[in-house]
N, C-alpha and C. Protein backbone atom coordinates (compact mmCIF):
# COMPACT_ATOMS: atom_id res chain seq x y z
N UNK A 1 190.56 93.44 45.36
CA UNK A 1 191.20 94.11 46.46
C UNK A 1 191.11 93.23 47.70
N UNK A 2 192.16 93.20 48.51
CA UNK A 2 192.09 92.43 49.76
C UNK A 2 190.96 92.97 50.62
N UNK A 3 190.48 92.16 51.54
CA UNK A 3 189.38 92.59 52.39
C UNK A 3 189.78 93.79 53.24
N UNK A 4 188.92 94.77 53.25
CA UNK A 4 189.11 95.97 54.05
C UNK A 4 188.92 95.59 55.52
N UNK A 5 189.87 95.91 56.40
CA UNK A 5 189.72 95.57 57.82
C UNK A 5 188.43 96.16 58.43
N UNK A 6 187.99 97.31 57.95
CA UNK A 6 186.74 97.91 58.44
C UNK A 6 185.55 97.02 58.08
N UNK A 7 185.55 96.49 56.87
CA UNK A 7 184.50 95.56 56.44
C UNK A 7 184.52 94.30 57.30
N UNK A 8 185.70 93.72 57.51
CA UNK A 8 185.82 92.49 58.31
C UNK A 8 185.34 92.75 59.74
N UNK A 9 185.72 93.88 60.32
CA UNK A 9 185.31 94.21 61.69
C UNK A 9 183.80 94.42 61.78
N UNK A 10 183.18 94.87 60.70
CA UNK A 10 181.75 95.14 60.71
C UNK A 10 180.90 93.90 60.44
N UNK A 11 181.51 92.84 59.97
CA UNK A 11 180.77 91.62 59.61
C UNK A 11 180.23 90.93 60.86
N UNK A 12 178.99 90.42 60.81
CA UNK A 12 178.45 89.70 61.97
C UNK A 12 179.07 88.31 62.17
N UNK A 13 179.94 87.88 61.28
CA UNK A 13 180.69 86.63 61.43
C UNK A 13 182.18 86.97 61.49
N UNK A 14 182.92 86.20 62.27
CA UNK A 14 184.37 86.34 62.29
C UNK A 14 184.97 85.77 61.02
N UNK A 15 186.27 85.97 60.81
CA UNK A 15 186.92 85.49 59.58
C UNK A 15 186.71 84.02 59.28
N UNK A 16 186.62 83.17 60.32
CA UNK A 16 186.42 81.73 60.09
C UNK A 16 185.00 81.43 59.60
N UNK A 17 184.08 82.36 59.76
CA UNK A 17 182.72 82.21 59.24
C UNK A 17 182.49 83.00 57.98
N UNK A 18 183.27 84.07 57.81
CA UNK A 18 183.16 84.91 56.61
C UNK A 18 183.71 84.16 55.39
N UNK A 19 184.84 83.53 55.55
CA UNK A 19 185.44 82.64 54.55
C UNK A 19 185.73 83.29 53.19
N UNK A 20 185.86 84.59 53.14
CA UNK A 20 186.24 85.30 51.91
C UNK A 20 187.64 85.86 52.10
N UNK A 21 188.38 85.98 51.01
CA UNK A 21 189.70 86.59 51.14
C UNK A 21 189.90 87.82 50.25
N UNK A 22 188.94 88.06 49.36
CA UNK A 22 189.11 89.19 48.45
C UNK A 22 187.77 89.61 47.87
N UNK A 23 187.59 90.92 47.73
CA UNK A 23 186.46 91.45 46.97
C UNK A 23 187.01 91.78 45.59
N UNK A 24 186.47 91.15 44.57
CA UNK A 24 187.00 91.28 43.21
C UNK A 24 186.34 92.40 42.42
N UNK A 25 185.08 92.69 42.73
CA UNK A 25 184.37 93.70 41.94
C UNK A 25 183.22 94.27 42.76
N UNK A 26 183.05 95.57 42.66
CA UNK A 26 181.90 96.27 43.23
C UNK A 26 181.36 97.16 42.12
N UNK A 27 180.12 96.94 41.71
CA UNK A 27 179.48 97.75 40.67
C UNK A 27 178.13 98.21 41.23
N UNK A 28 178.14 99.40 41.82
CA UNK A 28 176.92 99.93 42.44
C UNK A 28 175.82 100.14 41.40
N UNK A 29 176.19 100.60 40.20
CA UNK A 29 175.19 100.84 39.16
C UNK A 29 174.49 99.55 38.73
N UNK A 30 175.21 98.45 38.71
CA UNK A 30 174.64 97.15 38.33
C UNK A 30 174.14 96.37 39.54
N UNK A 31 174.31 96.92 40.75
CA UNK A 31 173.93 96.26 41.99
C UNK A 31 174.60 94.88 42.09
N UNK A 32 175.91 94.85 41.79
CA UNK A 32 176.66 93.60 41.68
C UNK A 32 177.93 93.66 42.51
N UNK A 33 178.19 92.57 43.23
CA UNK A 33 179.49 92.38 43.87
C UNK A 33 180.00 90.99 43.51
N UNK A 34 181.32 90.87 43.48
CA UNK A 34 181.97 89.60 43.23
C UNK A 34 183.08 89.46 44.27
N UNK A 35 183.13 88.31 44.93
CA UNK A 35 184.14 88.05 45.94
C UNK A 35 184.76 86.68 45.70
N UNK A 36 185.88 86.45 46.37
CA UNK A 36 186.59 85.18 46.20
C UNK A 36 186.62 84.42 47.52
N UNK A 37 186.39 83.12 47.40
CA UNK A 37 186.42 82.22 48.54
C UNK A 37 187.47 81.14 48.31
N UNK A 38 188.52 81.10 49.13
CA UNK A 38 189.47 80.00 49.00
C UNK A 38 188.80 78.68 49.33
N UNK A 39 189.23 77.62 48.71
CA UNK A 39 188.71 76.30 49.04
C UNK A 39 189.88 75.41 49.46
N UNK A 40 189.66 74.64 50.51
CA UNK A 40 190.69 73.74 51.03
C UNK A 40 190.00 72.64 51.84
N UNK A 41 190.76 71.63 52.17
CA UNK A 41 190.20 70.48 52.88
C UNK A 41 189.71 70.81 54.29
N UNK A 42 190.17 71.90 54.87
CA UNK A 42 189.82 72.23 56.26
C UNK A 42 188.59 73.12 56.38
N UNK A 43 187.88 73.38 55.26
CA UNK A 43 186.66 74.19 55.35
C UNK A 43 185.65 73.53 56.27
N UNK A 44 184.82 74.34 56.96
CA UNK A 44 183.76 73.74 57.78
C UNK A 44 182.92 72.79 56.92
N UNK A 45 182.50 71.70 57.50
CA UNK A 45 181.74 70.62 56.87
C UNK A 45 182.59 69.82 55.91
N UNK A 46 183.39 70.46 55.09
CA UNK A 46 184.26 69.74 54.15
C UNK A 46 185.23 68.85 54.91
N UNK A 47 185.81 69.38 55.99
CA UNK A 47 186.79 68.61 56.76
C UNK A 47 186.17 67.38 57.42
N UNK A 48 184.85 67.38 57.62
CA UNK A 48 184.18 66.27 58.29
C UNK A 48 183.66 65.21 57.32
N UNK A 49 183.85 65.41 56.03
CA UNK A 49 183.34 64.45 55.06
C UNK A 49 184.07 63.12 55.17
N UNK A 50 183.31 62.05 55.03
CA UNK A 50 183.90 60.72 54.92
C UNK A 50 184.05 60.46 53.43
N UNK A 51 185.26 60.57 52.98
CA UNK A 51 185.55 60.61 51.55
C UNK A 51 185.71 59.22 50.97
N UNK A 52 185.13 59.04 49.80
CA UNK A 52 185.34 57.86 48.98
C UNK A 52 185.67 58.40 47.59
N UNK A 53 186.73 57.92 46.97
CA UNK A 53 187.17 58.54 45.70
C UNK A 53 186.14 58.50 44.58
N UNK A 54 185.21 57.58 44.62
CA UNK A 54 184.21 57.48 43.55
C UNK A 54 182.83 57.92 44.04
N UNK A 55 182.39 57.34 45.15
CA UNK A 55 181.01 57.60 45.61
C UNK A 55 180.85 58.93 46.32
N UNK A 56 181.89 59.43 46.98
CA UNK A 56 181.76 60.67 47.74
C UNK A 56 183.11 61.39 47.80
N UNK A 57 183.52 62.02 46.68
CA UNK A 57 184.81 62.73 46.69
C UNK A 57 184.71 63.98 47.57
N UNK A 58 185.84 64.40 48.12
CA UNK A 58 185.86 65.61 48.94
C UNK A 58 185.41 66.78 48.07
N UNK A 59 184.53 67.63 48.64
CA UNK A 59 183.98 68.76 47.90
C UNK A 59 183.54 69.84 48.88
N UNK A 60 183.32 71.03 48.36
CA UNK A 60 182.78 72.11 49.17
C UNK A 60 181.31 71.78 49.40
N UNK A 61 180.93 71.70 50.64
CA UNK A 61 179.58 71.30 51.01
C UNK A 61 178.52 72.24 50.45
N UNK A 62 177.41 71.66 50.00
CA UNK A 62 176.29 72.48 49.53
C UNK A 62 175.75 73.38 50.63
N UNK A 63 175.71 72.87 51.86
CA UNK A 63 175.27 73.68 52.98
C UNK A 63 176.17 74.88 53.20
N UNK A 64 177.47 74.68 53.01
CA UNK A 64 178.41 75.79 53.14
C UNK A 64 178.20 76.80 52.02
N UNK A 65 177.87 76.33 50.83
CA UNK A 65 177.61 77.27 49.73
C UNK A 65 176.38 78.12 50.02
N UNK A 66 175.35 77.52 50.62
CA UNK A 66 174.17 78.31 50.99
C UNK A 66 174.58 79.35 52.03
N UNK A 67 175.42 78.98 53.00
CA UNK A 67 175.94 79.95 53.96
C UNK A 67 176.67 81.09 53.24
N UNK A 68 177.41 80.74 52.21
CA UNK A 68 178.20 81.76 51.50
C UNK A 68 177.31 82.73 50.72
N UNK A 69 176.08 82.33 50.41
CA UNK A 69 175.16 83.31 49.81
C UNK A 69 174.92 84.45 50.79
N UNK A 70 174.83 84.12 52.07
CA UNK A 70 174.66 85.16 53.09
C UNK A 70 175.89 86.02 53.23
N UNK A 71 177.07 85.43 53.13
CA UNK A 71 178.30 86.21 53.28
C UNK A 71 178.50 87.17 52.11
N UNK A 72 178.23 86.71 50.89
CA UNK A 72 178.40 87.60 49.74
C UNK A 72 177.26 88.62 49.69
N UNK A 73 176.09 88.27 50.23
CA UNK A 73 175.01 89.26 50.36
C UNK A 73 175.41 90.34 51.37
N UNK A 74 176.17 89.95 52.39
CA UNK A 74 176.67 90.96 53.33
C UNK A 74 177.64 91.91 52.62
N UNK A 75 178.47 91.38 51.72
CA UNK A 75 179.34 92.24 50.91
C UNK A 75 178.48 93.24 50.13
N UNK A 76 177.40 92.75 49.53
CA UNK A 76 176.49 93.61 48.76
C UNK A 76 175.87 94.68 49.67
N UNK A 77 175.38 94.26 50.83
CA UNK A 77 174.75 95.21 51.75
C UNK A 77 175.73 96.29 52.19
N UNK A 78 176.96 95.91 52.44
CA UNK A 78 177.99 96.84 52.92
C UNK A 78 178.40 97.81 51.82
N UNK A 79 178.74 97.29 50.64
CA UNK A 79 179.33 98.13 49.58
C UNK A 79 178.31 98.76 48.63
N UNK A 80 177.16 98.12 48.45
CA UNK A 80 176.17 98.65 47.50
C UNK A 80 175.03 99.37 48.23
N UNK A 81 174.54 98.77 49.31
CA UNK A 81 173.41 99.36 50.03
C UNK A 81 173.84 100.28 51.17
N UNK A 82 175.13 100.29 51.49
CA UNK A 82 175.69 101.12 52.56
C UNK A 82 175.08 100.82 53.92
N UNK A 83 174.78 99.57 54.19
CA UNK A 83 174.24 99.15 55.48
C UNK A 83 175.41 98.69 56.35
N UNK A 84 175.47 99.19 57.56
CA UNK A 84 176.56 98.86 58.47
C UNK A 84 176.02 98.14 59.70
N UNK A 85 176.61 97.00 59.98
CA UNK A 85 176.23 96.22 61.15
C UNK A 85 176.41 97.04 62.42
N UNK A 86 177.51 97.79 62.53
CA UNK A 86 177.75 98.57 63.75
C UNK A 86 176.72 99.70 63.93
N UNK A 87 176.00 100.06 62.87
CA UNK A 87 174.92 101.06 62.99
C UNK A 87 173.59 100.41 63.36
N UNK A 88 173.57 99.07 63.46
CA UNK A 88 172.36 98.37 63.86
C UNK A 88 171.71 97.56 62.76
N UNK A 89 172.27 97.54 61.56
CA UNK A 89 171.68 96.78 60.46
C UNK A 89 172.09 95.32 60.54
N UNK A 90 171.12 94.45 60.35
CA UNK A 90 171.39 93.02 60.28
C UNK A 90 170.46 92.40 59.24
N UNK A 91 170.95 91.41 58.55
CA UNK A 91 170.15 90.76 57.52
C UNK A 91 170.00 89.28 57.78
N UNK A 92 168.85 88.76 57.36
CA UNK A 92 168.58 87.33 57.46
C UNK A 92 167.92 86.87 56.17
N UNK A 93 168.28 85.68 55.76
CA UNK A 93 167.62 85.10 54.61
C UNK A 93 166.16 84.84 54.92
N UNK A 94 165.31 85.14 53.96
CA UNK A 94 163.89 84.95 54.17
C UNK A 94 163.32 83.81 53.34
N UNK A 95 163.86 83.66 52.15
CA UNK A 95 163.33 82.61 51.28
C UNK A 95 164.37 82.23 50.23
N UNK A 96 164.52 80.95 50.04
CA UNK A 96 165.33 80.44 48.93
C UNK A 96 164.33 80.07 47.84
N UNK A 97 164.27 80.88 46.80
CA UNK A 97 163.34 80.62 45.70
C UNK A 97 163.85 79.45 44.85
N UNK A 98 165.16 79.44 44.64
CA UNK A 98 165.77 78.31 43.92
C UNK A 98 167.22 78.19 44.32
N UNK A 99 167.70 76.97 44.31
CA UNK A 99 169.10 76.66 44.58
C UNK A 99 169.47 75.47 43.70
N UNK A 100 170.44 75.68 42.85
CA UNK A 100 170.86 74.61 41.95
C UNK A 100 172.35 74.38 42.09
N UNK A 101 172.69 73.16 42.38
CA UNK A 101 174.09 72.77 42.48
C UNK A 101 174.45 72.13 41.15
N UNK A 102 175.20 72.86 40.35
CA UNK A 102 175.48 72.45 38.97
C UNK A 102 176.64 71.47 38.85
N UNK A 103 177.60 71.59 39.76
CA UNK A 103 178.80 70.76 39.68
C UNK A 103 179.44 70.72 41.06
N UNK A 104 180.18 69.66 41.36
CA UNK A 104 180.91 69.64 42.62
C UNK A 104 182.07 70.62 42.56
N UNK A 105 182.24 71.36 43.63
CA UNK A 105 183.40 72.25 43.77
C UNK A 105 184.41 71.51 44.64
N UNK A 106 185.55 71.20 44.07
CA UNK A 106 186.57 70.44 44.80
C UNK A 106 187.56 71.40 45.45
N UNK A 107 188.09 71.04 46.62
CA UNK A 107 189.09 71.89 47.27
C UNK A 107 190.29 72.13 46.35
N UNK A 108 190.80 73.33 46.40
CA UNK A 108 191.97 73.70 45.60
C UNK A 108 191.76 75.05 44.94
N UNK A 109 191.09 75.06 43.82
CA UNK A 109 190.80 76.29 43.07
C UNK A 109 189.77 77.13 43.85
N UNK A 110 190.02 78.43 44.03
CA UNK A 110 189.03 79.24 44.75
C UNK A 110 187.72 79.37 44.00
N UNK A 111 186.68 79.70 44.73
CA UNK A 111 185.38 79.98 44.13
C UNK A 111 185.23 81.48 43.94
N UNK A 112 184.62 81.86 42.85
CA UNK A 112 184.26 83.25 42.58
C UNK A 112 182.75 83.35 42.81
N UNK A 113 182.37 84.21 43.75
CA UNK A 113 180.98 84.31 44.16
C UNK A 113 180.39 85.62 43.64
N UNK A 114 179.37 85.52 42.80
CA UNK A 114 178.68 86.70 42.27
C UNK A 114 177.34 86.86 42.99
N UNK A 115 177.03 88.10 43.36
CA UNK A 115 175.77 88.43 44.00
C UNK A 115 175.22 89.69 43.34
N UNK A 116 174.04 89.56 42.75
CA UNK A 116 173.41 90.69 42.07
C UNK A 116 172.05 90.96 42.70
N UNK A 117 171.87 92.18 43.17
CA UNK A 117 170.57 92.58 43.68
C UNK A 117 169.62 92.79 42.51
N UNK A 118 168.53 92.03 42.49
CA UNK A 118 167.61 92.14 41.35
C UNK A 118 166.38 92.97 41.70
N UNK A 119 165.97 92.97 42.95
CA UNK A 119 164.85 93.79 43.40
C UNK A 119 165.20 94.30 44.79
N UNK A 120 165.27 95.61 44.95
CA UNK A 120 165.61 96.21 46.23
C UNK A 120 164.50 97.19 46.60
N UNK A 121 163.92 96.98 47.78
CA UNK A 121 162.91 97.91 48.29
C UNK A 121 163.41 98.46 49.62
N UNK A 122 163.65 99.77 49.65
CA UNK A 122 164.22 100.40 50.83
C UNK A 122 163.17 101.17 51.60
N UNK A 123 163.14 100.95 52.91
CA UNK A 123 162.36 101.75 53.84
C UNK A 123 163.34 102.40 54.80
N UNK A 124 162.83 103.12 55.77
CA UNK A 124 163.73 103.79 56.70
C UNK A 124 164.40 102.81 57.67
N UNK A 125 163.73 101.68 57.97
CA UNK A 125 164.28 100.73 58.93
C UNK A 125 164.35 99.31 58.38
N UNK A 126 163.99 99.12 57.12
CA UNK A 126 164.06 97.80 56.50
C UNK A 126 164.48 97.94 55.04
N UNK A 127 165.13 96.91 54.58
CA UNK A 127 165.46 96.78 53.16
C UNK A 127 165.14 95.34 52.77
N UNK A 128 164.27 95.18 51.80
CA UNK A 128 163.96 93.86 51.25
C UNK A 128 164.75 93.72 49.96
N UNK A 129 165.55 92.68 49.89
CA UNK A 129 166.42 92.51 48.71
C UNK A 129 166.27 91.10 48.16
N UNK A 130 166.11 91.03 46.86
CA UNK A 130 166.12 89.74 46.18
C UNK A 130 167.45 89.66 45.45
N UNK A 131 168.09 88.52 45.57
CA UNK A 131 169.44 88.33 45.04
C UNK A 131 169.52 87.17 44.06
N UNK A 132 170.31 87.35 43.04
CA UNK A 132 170.69 86.26 42.14
C UNK A 132 172.15 85.94 42.44
N UNK A 133 172.44 84.67 42.66
CA UNK A 133 173.79 84.23 42.98
C UNK A 133 174.29 83.29 41.89
N UNK A 134 175.57 83.44 41.57
CA UNK A 134 176.26 82.48 40.70
C UNK A 134 177.66 82.29 41.28
N UNK A 135 178.01 81.03 41.53
CA UNK A 135 179.33 80.70 42.07
C UNK A 135 180.07 79.87 41.02
N UNK A 136 181.29 80.26 40.75
CA UNK A 136 182.11 79.58 39.75
C UNK A 136 183.39 79.04 40.39
N UNK A 137 183.86 77.92 39.86
CA UNK A 137 185.21 77.45 40.14
C UNK A 137 185.89 77.38 38.80
N UNK A 138 186.87 78.29 38.61
CA UNK A 138 187.45 78.54 37.28
C UNK A 138 186.29 78.94 36.36
N UNK A 139 186.09 78.24 35.26
CA UNK A 139 185.00 78.58 34.32
C UNK A 139 183.74 77.74 34.54
N UNK A 140 183.74 76.91 35.56
CA UNK A 140 182.62 76.00 35.80
C UNK A 140 181.63 76.61 36.78
N UNK A 141 180.37 76.70 36.37
CA UNK A 141 179.31 77.14 37.26
C UNK A 141 179.01 75.99 38.23
N UNK A 142 179.19 76.24 39.54
CA UNK A 142 178.95 75.18 40.52
C UNK A 142 177.66 75.40 41.30
N UNK A 143 177.19 76.65 41.40
CA UNK A 143 175.97 76.93 42.15
C UNK A 143 175.30 78.15 41.56
N UNK A 144 173.98 78.12 41.52
CA UNK A 144 173.21 79.33 41.23
C UNK A 144 171.97 79.32 42.08
N UNK A 145 171.61 80.50 42.53
CA UNK A 145 170.47 80.60 43.41
C UNK A 145 169.74 81.91 43.26
N UNK A 146 168.53 81.92 43.79
CA UNK A 146 167.65 83.09 43.79
C UNK A 146 167.05 83.14 45.19
N UNK A 147 167.35 84.20 45.94
CA UNK A 147 166.94 84.26 47.34
C UNK A 147 166.47 85.67 47.70
N UNK A 148 165.66 85.74 48.74
CA UNK A 148 165.22 87.01 49.29
C UNK A 148 165.74 87.12 50.72
N UNK A 149 166.21 88.31 51.06
CA UNK A 149 166.68 88.60 52.41
C UNK A 149 166.04 89.88 52.91
N UNK A 150 165.89 89.96 54.22
CA UNK A 150 165.37 91.16 54.87
C UNK A 150 166.48 91.75 55.74
N UNK A 151 166.79 93.01 55.49
CA UNK A 151 167.74 93.75 56.31
C UNK A 151 166.92 94.67 57.20
N UNK A 152 167.23 94.65 58.49
CA UNK A 152 166.48 95.46 59.45
C UNK A 152 167.42 96.31 60.28
N UNK A 153 166.97 97.50 60.62
CA UNK A 153 167.69 98.37 61.53
C UNK A 153 167.18 98.07 62.93
N UNK A 154 168.04 97.50 63.75
CA UNK A 154 167.67 97.10 65.10
C UNK A 154 168.21 98.17 66.05
N UNK A 155 167.31 98.82 66.72
CA UNK A 155 167.70 99.86 67.65
C UNK A 155 167.85 99.27 69.04
N UNK A 156 168.85 99.75 69.75
CA UNK A 156 169.09 99.30 71.12
C UNK A 156 168.02 99.87 72.03
N UNK A 157 167.50 99.03 72.93
CA UNK A 157 166.53 99.49 73.93
C UNK A 157 167.14 99.25 75.32
N UNK A 158 167.01 100.26 76.16
CA UNK A 158 167.55 100.12 77.52
C UNK A 158 166.44 99.83 78.50
């Protein structure tokens, strides 16, 4: 499904930082979301690469892929955990347990980003979530990771 304007408006990043164009799957029972990320030469960091056809071909930056773990985790928080940024919820990565770059993702074919909550601990003002990530380009696994994030309810103080 195309991105819901309410979801986009609630995201702590604008569209140029969100970098997703579609949510492909939401499975609350499996604690799983899948989203799509277009890839092109003008992506942040990718556009700044000094390309060499053999030694350094243009590719989706590994740093950008780590950023995208946060964006797809936001999809999970919104659709699976029902956390809303406008209600005061914000999440930050706490630990990257593992990050493996399996293959270069080249601009052109979109990436399919999978995010599965493997351990979720909910409190009244915090949610600790451990996530398993798998990013594919077509049938090729390009990234997999295991990370922990903390979601906190931040109340306004006057």
